[in-house]
Amino acid sequence: MKKLYLLLSLPFILVFLGIFLSQSLSISEKLVITGLISAVWVAVLIATEDIYKINATNQ
């Protein structure tokens, strides 16, 4: 389960690094983009956790 979370979080970490290392965006734009990415990330984690719970109860 932890491996799945690490695999899911790896692309988001790379995107975070790309956003914060880019010089062309202002601070407010960086915060807005990071907030949106965080919301998507949390939604994906919740969805995968629900899928695992459904699979566990079906077995």
N, C-alpha and C. Protein backbone atom coordinates (compact mmCIF):
# COMPACT_ATOMS: atom_id res chain seq x y z
N MET A 1 0.83 -1.20 0.00
CA MET A 1 0.00 0.00 0.00
C MET A 1 0.87 1.25 0.00
N LYS A 2 1.94 1.23 0.80
CA LYS A 2 2.82 2.39 0.85
C LYS A 2 3.56 2.57 -0.47
N LYS A 3 3.88 1.46 -1.13
CA LYS A 3 4.55 1.56 -2.43
C LYS A 3 3.64 2.25 -3.44
N LEU A 4 2.34 1.95 -3.36
CA LEU A 4 1.39 2.58 -4.27
C LEU A 4 1.37 4.09 -4.04
N TYR A 5 1.34 4.51 -2.78
CA TYR A 5 1.34 5.94 -2.49
C TYR A 5 2.61 6.62 -2.99
N LEU A 6 3.74 5.93 -2.85
CA LEU A 6 4.99 6.50 -3.34
C LEU A 6 4.96 6.63 -4.86
N LEU A 7 4.44 5.62 -5.54
CA LEU A 7 4.35 5.69 -7.00
C LEU A 7 3.40 6.79 -7.44
N LEU A 8 2.30 6.96 -6.71
CA LEU A 8 1.35 8.00 -7.07
C LEU A 8 1.91 9.39 -6.79
N SER A 9 2.71 9.52 -5.75
CA SER A 9 3.19 10.84 -5.38
C SER A 9 4.42 11.27 -6.17
N LEU A 10 5.12 10.34 -6.80
CA LEU A 10 6.34 10.69 -7.51
C LEU A 10 6.12 11.72 -8.62
N PRO A 11 5.14 11.55 -9.52
CA PRO A 11 4.97 12.58 -10.56
C PRO A 11 4.59 13.94 -9.98
N PHE A 12 3.81 13.94 -8.91
CA PHE A 12 3.41 15.21 -8.31
C PHE A 12 4.60 15.92 -7.68
N ILE A 13 5.50 15.15 -7.07
CA ILE A 13 6.70 15.76 -6.48
C ILE A 13 7.56 16.38 -7.58
N LEU A 14 7.68 15.68 -8.70
CA LEU A 14 8.45 16.22 -9.82
C LEU A 14 7.81 17.49 -10.36
N VAL A 15 6.47 17.53 -10.44
CA VAL A 15 5.78 18.73 -10.91
C VAL A 15 6.00 19.87 -9.93
N PHE A 16 5.91 19.59 -8.61
CA PHE A 16 6.17 20.62 -7.60
C PHE A 16 7.55 21.22 -7.78
N LEU A 17 8.54 20.35 -7.95
CA LEU A 17 9.91 20.83 -8.13
C LEU A 17 10.03 21.68 -9.39
N GLY A 18 9.41 21.23 -10.46
CA GLY A 18 9.44 21.99 -11.70
C GLY A 18 8.81 23.37 -11.56
N ILE A 19 7.70 23.43 -10.82
CA ILE A 19 7.02 24.71 -10.63
C ILE A 19 7.88 25.65 -9.80
N PHE A 20 8.43 25.13 -8.70
CA PHE A 20 9.16 26.02 -7.80
C PHE A 20 10.54 26.38 -8.34
N LEU A 21 11.08 25.58 -9.24
CA LEU A 21 12.38 25.91 -9.81
C LEU A 21 12.25 26.83 -11.02
N SER A 22 11.04 26.91 -11.59
CA SER A 22 10.88 27.78 -12.76
C SER A 22 10.85 29.24 -12.32
N GLN A 23 11.54 30.07 -13.06
CA GLN A 23 11.67 31.48 -12.70
C GLN A 23 10.59 32.34 -13.36
N SER A 24 9.86 31.79 -14.32
CA SER A 24 8.94 32.62 -15.10
C SER A 24 7.61 32.87 -14.39
N LEU A 25 7.27 32.06 -13.38
CA LEU A 25 6.00 32.23 -12.70
C LEU A 25 6.15 33.11 -11.48
N SER A 26 5.11 33.91 -11.20
CA SER A 26 5.14 34.70 -9.98
C SER A 26 4.76 33.82 -8.79
N ILE A 27 4.94 34.34 -7.59
CA ILE A 27 4.67 33.55 -6.38
C ILE A 27 3.20 33.17 -6.28
N SER A 28 2.31 34.11 -6.61
CA SER A 28 0.88 33.81 -6.51
C SER A 28 0.48 32.73 -7.51
N GLU A 29 1.06 32.78 -8.72
CA GLU A 29 0.76 31.74 -9.70
C GLU A 29 1.26 30.38 -9.22
N LYS A 30 2.44 30.36 -8.61
CA LYS A 30 2.97 29.10 -8.08
C LYS A 30 2.04 28.54 -7.00
N LEU A 31 1.54 29.40 -6.12
CA LEU A 31 0.65 28.94 -5.04
C LEU A 31 -0.66 28.40 -5.59
N VAL A 32 -1.21 29.07 -6.60
CA VAL A 32 -2.47 28.61 -7.19
C VAL A 32 -2.29 27.25 -7.85
N ILE A 33 -1.22 27.12 -8.63
CA ILE A 33 -0.98 25.85 -9.33
C ILE A 33 -0.72 24.73 -8.32
N THR A 34 0.05 25.05 -7.26
CA THR A 34 0.35 24.02 -6.25
C THR A 34 -0.93 23.62 -5.52
N GLY A 35 -1.80 24.56 -5.25
CA GLY A 35 -3.07 24.24 -4.60
C GLY A 35 -3.93 23.33 -5.45
N LEU A 36 -3.98 23.61 -6.74
CA LEU A 36 -4.76 22.76 -7.65
C LEU A 36 -4.18 21.35 -7.73
N ILE A 37 -2.86 21.27 -7.83
CA ILE A 37 -2.21 19.95 -7.90
C ILE A 37 -2.44 19.18 -6.61
N SER A 38 -2.37 19.88 -5.47
CA SER A 38 -2.60 19.23 -4.18
C SER A 38 -4.02 18.68 -4.09
N ALA A 39 -4.99 19.44 -4.58
CA ALA A 39 -6.38 18.99 -4.54
C ALA A 39 -6.57 17.73 -5.38
N VAL A 40 -5.97 17.72 -6.57
CA VAL A 40 -6.06 16.54 -7.44
C VAL A 40 -5.38 15.35 -6.79
N TRP A 41 -4.22 15.58 -6.19
CA TRP A 41 -3.45 14.52 -5.54
C TRP A 41 -4.26 13.88 -4.41
N VAL A 42 -4.87 14.72 -3.55
CA VAL A 42 -5.68 14.20 -2.44
C VAL A 42 -6.87 13.41 -2.98
N ALA A 43 -7.50 13.91 -4.04
CA ALA A 43 -8.64 13.19 -4.62
C ALA A 43 -8.22 11.83 -5.16
N VAL A 44 -7.05 11.77 -5.80
CA VAL A 44 -6.57 10.49 -6.33
C VAL A 44 -6.26 9.52 -5.19
N LEU A 45 -5.64 10.01 -4.13
CA LEU A 45 -5.32 9.14 -2.99
C LEU A 45 -6.58 8.61 -2.32
N ILE A 46 -7.58 9.47 -2.15
CA ILE A 46 -8.84 9.04 -1.53
C ILE A 46 -9.53 8.00 -2.43
N ALA A 47 -9.51 8.22 -3.74
CA ALA A 47 -10.16 7.29 -4.66
C ALA A 47 -9.47 5.93 -4.63
N THR A 48 -8.14 5.92 -4.63
CA THR A 48 -7.44 4.63 -4.62
C THR A 48 -7.65 3.91 -3.29
N GLU A 49 -7.72 4.67 -2.21
CA GLU A 49 -7.97 4.05 -0.91
C GLU A 49 -9.36 3.42 -0.87
N ASP A 50 -10.36 4.12 -1.44
CA ASP A 50 -11.71 3.56 -1.49
C ASP A 50 -11.75 2.30 -2.35
N ILE A 51 -11.00 2.31 -3.47
CA ILE A 51 -10.96 1.12 -4.33
C ILE A 51 -10.36 -0.06 -3.57
N TYR A 52 -9.30 0.20 -2.79
CA TYR A 52 -8.70 -0.89 -2.01
C TYR A 52 -9.67 -1.40 -0.95
N LYS A 53 -10.43 -0.50 -0.32
CA LYS A 53 -11.40 -0.95 0.68
C LYS A 53 -12.48 -1.80 0.03
N ILE A 54 -12.94 -1.40 -1.16
CA ILE A 54 -13.97 -2.17 -1.86
C ILE A 54 -13.42 -3.54 -2.24
N ASN A 55 -12.20 -3.59 -2.74
CA ASN A 55 -11.60 -4.88 -3.11
C ASN A 55 -11.39 -5.76 -1.88
N ALA A 56 -11.02 -5.16 -0.76
CA ALA A 56 -10.79 -5.94 0.46
C ALA A 56 -12.09 -6.52 0.99
N THR A 57 -13.19 -5.78 0.89
CA THR A 57 -14.46 -6.28 1.39
C THR A 57 -15.05 -7.33 0.44
N ASN A 58 -14.71 -7.27 -0.84
CA ASN A 58 -15.24 -8.24 -1.80
C ASN A 58 -14.53 -9.59 -1.70
N GLN A 59 -13.34 -9.61 -1.15
CA GLN A 59 -12.59 -10.87 -1.12
C GLN A 59 -12.92 -11.71 0.08
